[in-house]
């Protein structure tokens, strides 16, 4: 019997393991990496190294959504990763939309700008996303349990990510055509899911699970 593939999942900014609750991928054991508070002056590269210390397996893959995808790419720079599964994310700084720079530069002395941006994201989510009521309530609960410091740190690190190359291991990028956070027009080398939004890992979990499962079967000899 073939050994199950272990995939560590990293959620988007302010979210947690519950984001992946609907995923069910044949032949895969999902494990989860949640956010901890960033250290003073810690950048995304250093944070990723610290997050990687929680990975106990020698053989593993990573699945990252949004900021989690960027962290997965950074982890792959220092740890041997079988492959990356990238969902609703960017692979380098050229794929980051310019408005993140504007959010990061909003004048604030107490980190409230990032919190206001997150609150607006929650308030308008029903208009740009297609989650049901349960999904919207879950998103609200997750994002409001995150600290203001973490949210401000994450927005800053997305805006200032200077990664300029491609991931250094095999990757499979899934991206929704209706993603308004990271518009698909900026994304290269991704397989699209028609009509899917930024939160398709939850909203379209069946489709995402099916596509990742098929990819794993296709690449099984290389594991």
Protein backbone atom coordinates (compact mmCIF):
# COMPACT_ATOMS: atom_id res chain seq x y z
CA UNK A 1 0.00 0.00 0.00
CA UNK A 2 1.32 3.42 -0.99
CA UNK A 3 2.19 5.72 1.90
CA UNK A 4 -0.02 8.76 2.33
CA UNK A 5 1.42 12.09 1.26
CA UNK A 6 1.71 14.55 4.13
CA UNK A 7 0.71 18.11 3.29
CA UNK A 8 1.12 20.97 5.75
CA UNK A 9 -1.49 23.67 5.14
CA UNK A 10 -0.86 27.37 5.81
CA UNK A 11 -3.91 29.69 5.77
CA UNK A 12 -4.20 33.29 4.66
CA UNK A 13 -3.58 36.33 6.85
CA UNK A 14 -5.68 36.34 10.01
CA UNK A 15 -7.21 32.94 9.23
CA UNK A 16 -6.54 29.53 10.77
CA UNK A 17 -6.79 25.76 10.23
CA UNK A 18 -10.60 25.96 10.01
CA UNK A 19 -10.22 27.42 6.53
CA UNK A 20 -9.23 23.94 5.30
CA UNK A 21 -12.07 22.11 7.07
CA UNK A 22 -13.87 21.12 3.87
CA UNK A 23 -10.84 19.71 2.04
CA UNK A 24 -10.81 15.95 1.54
CA UNK A 25 -8.00 14.70 -0.68
CA UNK A 26 -7.62 10.98 -1.35
CA UNK A 27 -4.28 9.55 -0.23
CA UNK A 28 -3.33 12.68 1.73
CA UNK A 29 -2.87 13.42 5.41
CA UNK A 30 -3.43 17.11 6.05
CA UNK A 31 -1.59 18.86 8.87
CA UNK A 32 -1.86 22.53 9.76
CA UNK A 33 0.44 25.45 10.54
CA UNK A 34 -1.26 28.39 12.23
CA UNK A 35 0.09 31.90 12.71
CA UNK A 36 2.02 32.97 15.78
CA UNK A 37 2.75 36.58 16.71
CA UNK A 38 5.60 38.08 14.66
CA UNK A 39 8.71 39.18 16.50
CA UNK A 40 9.83 42.80 16.48
CA UNK A 41 11.19 43.80 13.05
CA UNK A 42 10.71 40.23 11.77
CA UNK A 43 10.37 39.92 8.00
CA UNK A 44 8.53 37.21 6.09
CA UNK A 45 11.72 35.21 5.44
CA UNK A 46 12.63 35.01 9.12
CA UNK A 47 9.03 34.32 10.08
CA UNK A 48 8.85 31.44 7.57
CA UNK A 49 11.99 29.86 9.04
CA UNK A 50 10.47 30.04 12.51
CA UNK A 51 7.15 28.61 11.28
CA UNK A 52 9.02 25.75 9.58
CA UNK A 53 10.36 24.64 12.96
CA UNK A 54 6.89 23.25 13.66
CA UNK A 55 7.23 20.76 10.77
CA UNK A 56 8.29 17.44 12.27
CA UNK A 57 8.17 15.25 9.15
CA UNK A 58 11.17 14.71 6.88
CA UNK A 59 9.05 14.08 3.77
CA UNK A 60 6.25 16.59 3.22
CA UNK A 61 4.56 18.97 0.84
CA UNK A 62 3.07 22.40 1.56
CA UNK A 63 -0.30 23.90 0.69
CA UNK A 64 -0.52 27.65 1.12
CA UNK A 65 -3.43 30.03 0.60
CA UNK A 66 -2.84 33.77 0.03
CA UNK A 67 -0.10 34.93 2.47
CA UNK A 68 0.23 31.25 3.39
CA UNK A 69 1.36 30.53 -0.16
CA UNK A 70 4.08 33.14 0.11
CA UNK A 71 5.21 31.60 3.40
CA UNK A 72 5.20 28.15 1.78
CA UNK A 73 7.48 29.45 -0.98
CA UNK A 74 9.80 30.97 1.63
CA UNK A 75 9.90 27.71 3.62
CA UNK A 76 10.86 25.83 0.45
CA UNK A 77 13.94 28.04 0.25
CA UNK A 78 15.36 26.49 3.43
CA UNK A 79 13.63 23.11 3.77
CA UNK A 80 13.37 20.21 1.33
CA UNK A 81 9.76 20.22 0.16
CA UNK A 82 8.29 17.57 -2.13
CA UNK A 83 6.04 20.08 -3.86
CA UNK A 84 4.00 23.21 -3.31
CA UNK A 85 0.25 23.51 -3.74
CA UNK A 86 -0.47 27.22 -4.10
CA UNK A 87 -4.05 28.48 -3.76
CA UNK A 88 -5.22 32.07 -4.38
CA UNK A 89 -1.73 33.45 -3.88
CA UNK A 90 1.25 35.03 -5.64
CA UNK A 91 4.61 33.47 -6.48
CA UNK A 92 6.79 36.60 -6.62
CA UNK A 93 6.56 40.35 -6.24
CA UNK A 94 5.56 40.95 -9.86
CA UNK A 95 2.21 39.25 -9.19
CA UNK A 96 1.30 41.48 -6.21
CA UNK A 97 -1.29 44.15 -7.11
CA UNK A 98 -0.16 47.77 -6.51
CA UNK A 99 -2.96 48.59 -4.05
CA UNK A 100 -1.15 46.66 -1.31
CA UNK A 101 1.52 49.36 -1.37
CA UNK A 102 -1.14 52.01 -0.79
CA UNK A 103 -2.68 50.11 2.14
CA UNK A 104 0.72 49.72 3.76
CA UNK A 105 1.46 53.43 3.41
CA UNK A 106 -1.79 54.73 4.92
CA UNK A 107 -0.81 57.24 7.63
CA UNK A 108 -1.17 55.65 11.05
CA UNK A 109 0.73 55.62 14.31
CA UNK A 110 -1.18 52.83 16.01
CA UNK A 111 -1.66 50.18 13.31
CA UNK A 112 -5.34 51.08 12.89
CA UNK A 113 -5.09 51.40 9.09
CA UNK A 114 -4.55 47.68 8.64
CA UNK A 115 -7.38 46.88 11.05
CA UNK A 116 -9.72 49.20 9.17
CA UNK A 117 -8.73 47.47 5.94
CA UNK A 118 -9.52 44.08 7.47
CA UNK A 119 -12.85 45.33 8.89
CA UNK A 120 -13.76 46.62 5.43
CA UNK A 121 -12.81 43.25 3.96
CA UNK A 122 -15.22 41.54 6.35
CA UNK A 123 -18.01 44.07 5.80
CA UNK A 124 -17.87 43.86 2.01
CA UNK A 125 -17.06 40.15 1.76
CA UNK A 126 -20.65 39.17 0.83
CA UNK A 127 -20.36 41.46 -2.21
CA UNK A 128 -17.11 40.07 -3.65
CA UNK A 129 -17.21 36.50 -2.37
CA UNK A 130 -19.75 33.69 -2.63
CA UNK A 131 -19.54 32.07 0.81
CA UNK A 132 -22.78 30.97 2.42
CA UNK A 133 -23.84 32.37 5.81
CA UNK A 134 -21.83 29.72 7.66
CA UNK A 135 -18.74 30.58 5.64
CA UNK A 136 -19.11 34.31 6.26
CA UNK A 137 -19.57 33.74 10.00
CA UNK A 138 -16.51 31.48 10.08
CA UNK A 139 -14.42 34.07 8.23
CA UNK A 140 -15.59 36.80 10.62
CA UNK A 141 -14.72 34.65 13.66
CA UNK A 142 -11.26 33.81 12.33
CA UNK A 143 -10.26 37.31 11.22
CA UNK A 144 -11.45 38.98 14.43
CA UNK A 145 -9.55 36.51 16.59
CA UNK A 146 -6.28 37.66 14.98
CA UNK A 147 -4.30 40.44 16.65
CA UNK A 148 -4.01 43.89 15.12
CA UNK A 149 -0.23 43.51 15.23
CA UNK A 150 -0.38 40.31 13.15
CA UNK A 151 -2.74 41.87 10.60
CA UNK A 152 -0.57 44.98 10.24
CA UNK A 153 2.55 42.83 9.92
CA UNK A 154 0.97 40.66 7.24
CA UNK A 155 -0.21 43.58 5.10
CA UNK A 156 3.27 45.13 5.32
CA UNK A 157 5.02 41.89 4.37
CA UNK A 158 2.75 41.28 1.38
CA UNK A 159 3.30 44.84 0.16
CA UNK A 160 7.09 44.63 0.56
CA UNK A 161 7.78 41.02 -0.46
CA UNK A 162 10.85 41.14 -2.68
CA UNK A 163 10.88 37.54 -3.92
CA UNK A 164 11.80 37.84 -7.60
CA UNK A 165 12.24 34.29 -8.89
CA UNK A 166 10.07 31.19 -9.24
CA UNK A 167 9.61 28.67 -6.41
CA UNK A 168 12.63 26.36 -6.19
CA UNK A 169 10.61 23.14 -6.24
CA UNK A 170 7.70 21.66 -8.17
CA UNK A 171 4.51 23.67 -7.70
CA UNK A 172 0.84 23.55 -8.67
CA UNK A 173 -0.95 26.90 -8.59
CA UNK A 174 -4.77 27.09 -8.52
CA UNK A 175 -6.37 30.51 -8.92
CA UNK A 176 -9.96 31.71 -9.19
CA UNK A 177 -10.98 33.88 -12.12
CA UNK A 178 -13.07 36.04 -9.73
CA UNK A 179 -10.27 36.60 -7.19
CA UNK A 180 -10.37 40.32 -6.28
CA UNK A 181 -7.52 40.24 -3.74
CA UNK A 182 -4.92 38.85 -6.16
CA UNK A 183 -6.52 39.39 -9.61
CA UNK A 184 -5.84 36.54 -12.01
CA UNK A 185 -4.65 38.98 -14.70
CA UNK A 186 -1.44 39.40 -12.69
CA UNK A 187 -0.85 35.68 -12.20
CA UNK A 188 1.42 33.51 -14.33
CA UNK A 189 1.61 29.70 -14.56
CA UNK A 190 -1.65 28.96 -12.76
CA UNK A 191 -4.56 26.65 -13.49
CA UNK A 192 -7.76 28.65 -13.19
CA UNK A 193 -11.10 27.78 -11.61
CA UNK A 194 -13.86 29.67 -13.38
CA UNK A 195 -15.89 31.97 -11.13
CA UNK A 196 -13.93 31.05 -8.00
CA UNK A 197 -13.01 33.80 -5.55
CA UNK A 198 -10.05 34.37 -3.23
CA UNK A 199 -11.57 31.96 -0.68
CA UNK A 200 -12.12 29.04 -3.04
CA UNK A 201 -10.17 26.68 -0.77
CA UNK A 202 -13.27 26.86 1.45
CA UNK A 203 -16.08 27.79 -0.97
CA UNK A 204 -15.00 25.37 -3.71
CA UNK A 205 -13.35 22.76 -1.51
CA UNK A 206 -14.74 19.84 -3.50
CA UNK A 207 -13.27 21.16 -6.76
CA UNK A 208 -9.98 22.11 -5.12
CA UNK A 209 -9.72 18.68 -3.46
CA UNK A 210 -10.46 16.93 -6.76
CA UNK A 211 -7.84 18.89 -8.69
CA UNK A 212 -5.12 18.48 -6.08
CA UNK A 213 -5.90 14.77 -5.78
CA UNK A 214 -5.64 14.35 -9.55
CA UNK A 215 -2.33 16.21 -9.58
CA UNK A 216 -0.92 13.98 -6.87
CA UNK A 217 -1.95 10.85 -8.79
CA UNK A 218 -0.35 12.24 -11.93
CA UNK A 219 2.92 12.87 -10.14
CA UNK A 220 2.83 9.79 -7.92
CA UNK A 221 6.00 8.14 -9.37
CA UNK A 222 8.08 11.15 -8.28
CA UNK A 223 7.08 10.94 -4.59
